[in-house]
């Protein structure tokens, strides 16, 4: 009996010590090298602080993008089926202002001058850590994945480049049961 008690205590100590040292380790689903490509759409400037408050702009930007059918208006020469949320022009990495664009991928910017407020951004060639959201209510799933990405970026050896990060959504995504991919540029 005493031997079993001792064994149980040893096992408990091992499990207990592992719990203290094994914090949740976040890892991307894959790493990809992606050549540069052009996105066109509408944009706004915001910050993570603003997005965590009632002053968030990203939701309103996407409401405008979808309600005004901007993706369809930009439909000529679309290279990839689906739409993007692109983050760029970071002022102080994740702590400062950055620009976010609701967009589609195009080969060229021809005839964009006829559309007010349309902006183009070339996502640079880079190496990306790719995180795939869980399937579910898409806004919630993307927010959860970004929380994981912020945690991941604090782990040793994970160095974000802040040259242009983006989310990719397939066309016709179900907002109540969807999935997205988030691409984080890395050094």
Protein backbone atom coordinates (compact mmCIF):
# COMPACT_ATOMS: atom_id res chain seq x y z
CA UNK A 1 0.00 0.00 0.00
CA UNK A 2 2.75 2.44 0.89
CA UNK A 3 4.46 1.74 -2.44
CA UNK A 4 1.29 2.71 -4.36
CA UNK A 5 0.96 5.91 -2.34
CA UNK A 6 4.55 6.80 -3.14
CA UNK A 7 4.06 6.10 -6.83
CA UNK A 8 0.92 8.23 -6.89
CA UNK A 9 2.74 11.10 -5.21
CA UNK A 10 5.59 10.89 -7.73
CA UNK A 11 3.14 10.90 -10.63
CA UNK A 12 1.27 13.85 -9.11
CA UNK A 13 4.51 15.83 -8.69
CA UNK A 14 5.44 15.16 -12.32
CA UNK A 15 2.03 16.26 -13.61
CA UNK A 16 1.99 19.27 -11.31
CA UNK A 17 5.46 20.43 -12.40
CA UNK A 18 4.51 19.96 -16.07
CA UNK A 19 1.42 22.11 -15.59
CA UNK A 20 3.61 24.96 -14.31
CA UNK A 21 6.08 24.81 -17.19
CA UNK A 22 3.78 23.85 -20.08
CA UNK A 23 1.90 27.00 -20.98
CA UNK A 24 -0.28 26.87 -24.08
CA UNK A 25 2.08 27.05 -27.04
CA UNK A 26 0.49 28.67 -30.08
CA UNK A 27 1.82 27.61 -33.47
CA UNK A 28 0.79 28.59 -37.02
CA UNK A 29 -0.82 25.94 -39.21
CA UNK A 30 1.93 26.47 -41.77
CA UNK A 31 4.64 28.86 -43.02
CA UNK A 32 4.39 30.07 -46.63
CA UNK A 33 6.53 32.19 -48.95
CA UNK A 34 4.12 34.31 -50.97
CA UNK A 35 5.02 36.53 -53.93
CA UNK A 36 3.73 40.10 -53.97
CA UNK A 37 0.17 40.73 -55.12
CA UNK A 38 -2.14 43.70 -55.43
CA UNK A 39 -5.22 44.39 -53.34
CA UNK A 40 -7.77 47.12 -54.07
CA UNK A 41 -10.57 48.27 -51.82
CA UNK A 42 -11.53 50.80 -49.18
CA UNK A 43 -9.48 51.57 -46.10
CA UNK A 44 -9.39 53.34 -42.77
CA UNK A 45 -6.78 54.06 -40.11
CA UNK A 46 -7.27 52.55 -36.65
CA UNK A 47 -5.42 50.99 -33.72
CA UNK A 48 -5.83 47.89 -31.60
CA UNK A 49 -6.79 50.15 -28.69
CA UNK A 50 -9.63 51.68 -30.74
CA UNK A 51 -10.78 48.27 -31.97
CA UNK A 52 -11.09 47.02 -28.39
CA UNK A 53 -13.37 49.96 -27.55
CA UNK A 54 -16.69 51.25 -28.88
CA UNK A 55 -14.69 53.36 -31.38
CA UNK A 56 -13.69 50.41 -33.56
CA UNK A 57 -13.68 51.10 -37.31
CA UNK A 58 -13.08 47.69 -38.89
CA UNK A 59 -16.67 46.47 -38.53
CA UNK A 60 -18.00 49.66 -40.12
CA UNK A 61 -15.47 49.37 -42.94
CA UNK A 62 -16.67 45.87 -43.81
CA UNK A 63 -20.33 46.91 -43.51
CA UNK A 64 -19.63 49.59 -46.13
CA UNK A 65 -17.63 47.18 -48.31
CA UNK A 66 -20.48 44.65 -48.40
CA UNK A 67 -23.51 47.00 -48.39
CA UNK A 68 -22.12 49.02 -51.30
CA UNK A 69 -21.00 45.87 -53.18
CA UNK A 70 -17.51 47.30 -53.54
CA UNK A 71 -15.99 43.87 -54.21
CA UNK A 72 -18.37 43.37 -57.14
CA UNK A 73 -17.64 46.86 -58.49
CA UNK A 74 -13.95 45.96 -58.50
CA UNK A 75 -14.74 42.60 -60.09
CA UNK A 76 -13.02 43.12 -63.43
CA UNK A 77 -9.58 41.50 -63.37
CA UNK A 78 -10.09 39.88 -59.96
CA UNK A 79 -7.33 37.35 -59.54
CA UNK A 80 -8.56 35.36 -56.54
CA UNK A 81 -12.14 34.50 -55.64
CA UNK A 82 -12.87 35.86 -52.17
CA UNK A 83 -12.02 38.98 -50.22
CA UNK A 84 -9.31 40.23 -47.90
CA UNK A 85 -8.79 42.32 -44.82
CA UNK A 86 -5.28 43.72 -45.11
CA UNK A 87 -3.29 45.46 -42.34
CA UNK A 88 -0.38 47.69 -43.34
CA UNK A 89 1.40 51.02 -42.73
CA UNK A 90 2.00 50.08 -39.11
CA UNK A 91 3.33 53.08 -37.15
CA UNK A 92 4.50 51.30 -33.98
CA UNK A 93 3.94 47.64 -34.74
CA UNK A 94 0.83 46.41 -32.88
CA UNK A 95 0.89 49.31 -30.37
CA UNK A 96 0.20 52.18 -32.77
CA UNK A 97 -1.94 53.20 -35.69
CA UNK A 98 -2.21 51.08 -38.81
CA UNK A 99 -4.26 51.06 -41.98
CA UNK A 100 -6.78 48.33 -42.67
CA UNK A 101 -8.34 47.68 -46.08
CA UNK A 102 -11.41 45.64 -47.05
CA UNK A 103 -10.34 44.46 -50.48
CA UNK A 104 -10.16 42.05 -53.38
CA UNK A 105 -7.09 40.86 -55.27
CA UNK A 106 -6.50 42.30 -58.74
CA UNK A 107 -3.86 42.05 -61.42
CA UNK A 108 -3.87 45.76 -62.18
CA UNK A 109 -5.31 49.10 -61.11
CA UNK A 110 -6.76 50.12 -64.48
CA UNK A 111 -10.01 52.10 -64.31
CA UNK A 112 -9.87 52.56 -60.55
CA UNK A 113 -9.84 56.33 -60.92
CA UNK A 114 -13.58 56.19 -61.67
CA UNK A 115 -14.33 54.80 -58.22
CA UNK A 116 -14.19 57.22 -55.29
CA UNK A 117 -12.31 56.21 -52.15
CA UNK A 118 -10.70 53.15 -53.75
CA UNK A 119 -7.15 52.44 -52.68
CA UNK A 120 -4.55 49.98 -53.95
CA UNK A 121 -1.87 48.27 -51.87
CA UNK A 122 0.77 45.83 -53.03
CA UNK A 123 1.28 43.14 -50.42
CA UNK A 124 5.05 42.58 -50.51
CA UNK A 125 6.76 39.28 -51.19
CA UNK A 126 7.30 37.78 -47.75
CA UNK A 127 7.32 34.75 -45.55
CA UNK A 128 4.02 34.32 -43.69
CA UNK A 129 2.92 32.39 -40.62
CA UNK A 130 -0.58 31.19 -41.55
CA UNK A 131 -3.20 30.71 -38.85
CA UNK A 132 -6.51 29.05 -39.75
CA UNK A 133 -9.46 30.00 -37.56
CA UNK A 134 -11.77 27.46 -36.03
CA UNK A 135 -15.09 27.07 -37.83
CA UNK A 136 -17.94 29.06 -36.26
CA UNK A 137 -19.28 32.63 -36.04
CA UNK A 138 -16.62 34.26 -38.20
CA UNK A 139 -16.15 37.52 -36.29
CA UNK A 140 -15.69 35.65 -33.02
CA UNK A 141 -13.37 33.06 -34.60
CA UNK A 142 -11.16 35.76 -36.16
CA UNK A 143 -10.98 37.68 -32.87
CA UNK A 144 -9.98 34.51 -31.00
CA UNK A 145 -7.30 33.72 -33.56
CA UNK A 146 -5.89 37.26 -33.34
CA UNK A 147 -5.67 36.84 -29.55
CA UNK A 148 -3.67 33.65 -30.19
CA UNK A 149 -1.48 35.49 -32.72
CA UNK A 150 -0.66 38.23 -30.19
CA UNK A 151 0.30 35.52 -27.70
CA UNK A 152 2.32 33.67 -30.36
CA UNK A 153 4.19 36.86 -31.31
CA UNK A 154 5.41 37.20 -27.70
CA UNK A 155 7.01 33.75 -27.72
CA UNK A 156 10.80 33.62 -28.28
CA UNK A 157 11.80 33.28 -31.93
CA UNK A 158 8.51 34.56 -33.40
CA UNK A 159 9.30 37.88 -35.04
CA UNK A 160 6.58 39.69 -36.94
CA UNK A 161 7.75 41.85 -39.85
CA UNK A 162 4.73 44.23 -39.95
CA UNK A 163 5.11 44.68 -43.72
CA UNK A 164 1.53 43.67 -44.48
CA UNK A 165 -0.67 41.09 -42.76
CA UNK A 166 -3.97 39.89 -44.15
CA UNK A 167 -7.05 37.77 -43.58
CA UNK A 168 -8.51 35.78 -46.48
CA UNK A 169 -12.21 34.91 -46.71
CA UNK A 170 -13.69 32.70 -49.42
CA UNK A 171 -16.52 34.18 -51.46
CA UNK A 172 -19.94 33.42 -50.01
CA UNK A 173 -18.58 32.66 -46.54
CA UNK A 174 -21.27 31.80 -44.00
CA UNK A 175 -20.89 34.47 -41.28
CA UNK A 176 -22.45 32.13 -38.69
CA UNK A 177 -20.33 29.06 -39.53
CA UNK A 178 -17.29 30.24 -41.45
CA UNK A 179 -13.55 29.88 -41.42
CA UNK A 180 -10.77 32.27 -42.45
CA UNK A 181 -7.00 32.23 -42.85
CA UNK A 182 -4.82 34.92 -41.25
CA UNK A 183 -1.39 35.55 -42.79
CA UNK A 184 1.21 37.22 -40.56
CA UNK A 185 4.40 38.50 -42.20
CA UNK A 186 7.46 37.22 -40.36
CA UNK A 187 11.18 37.99 -40.41
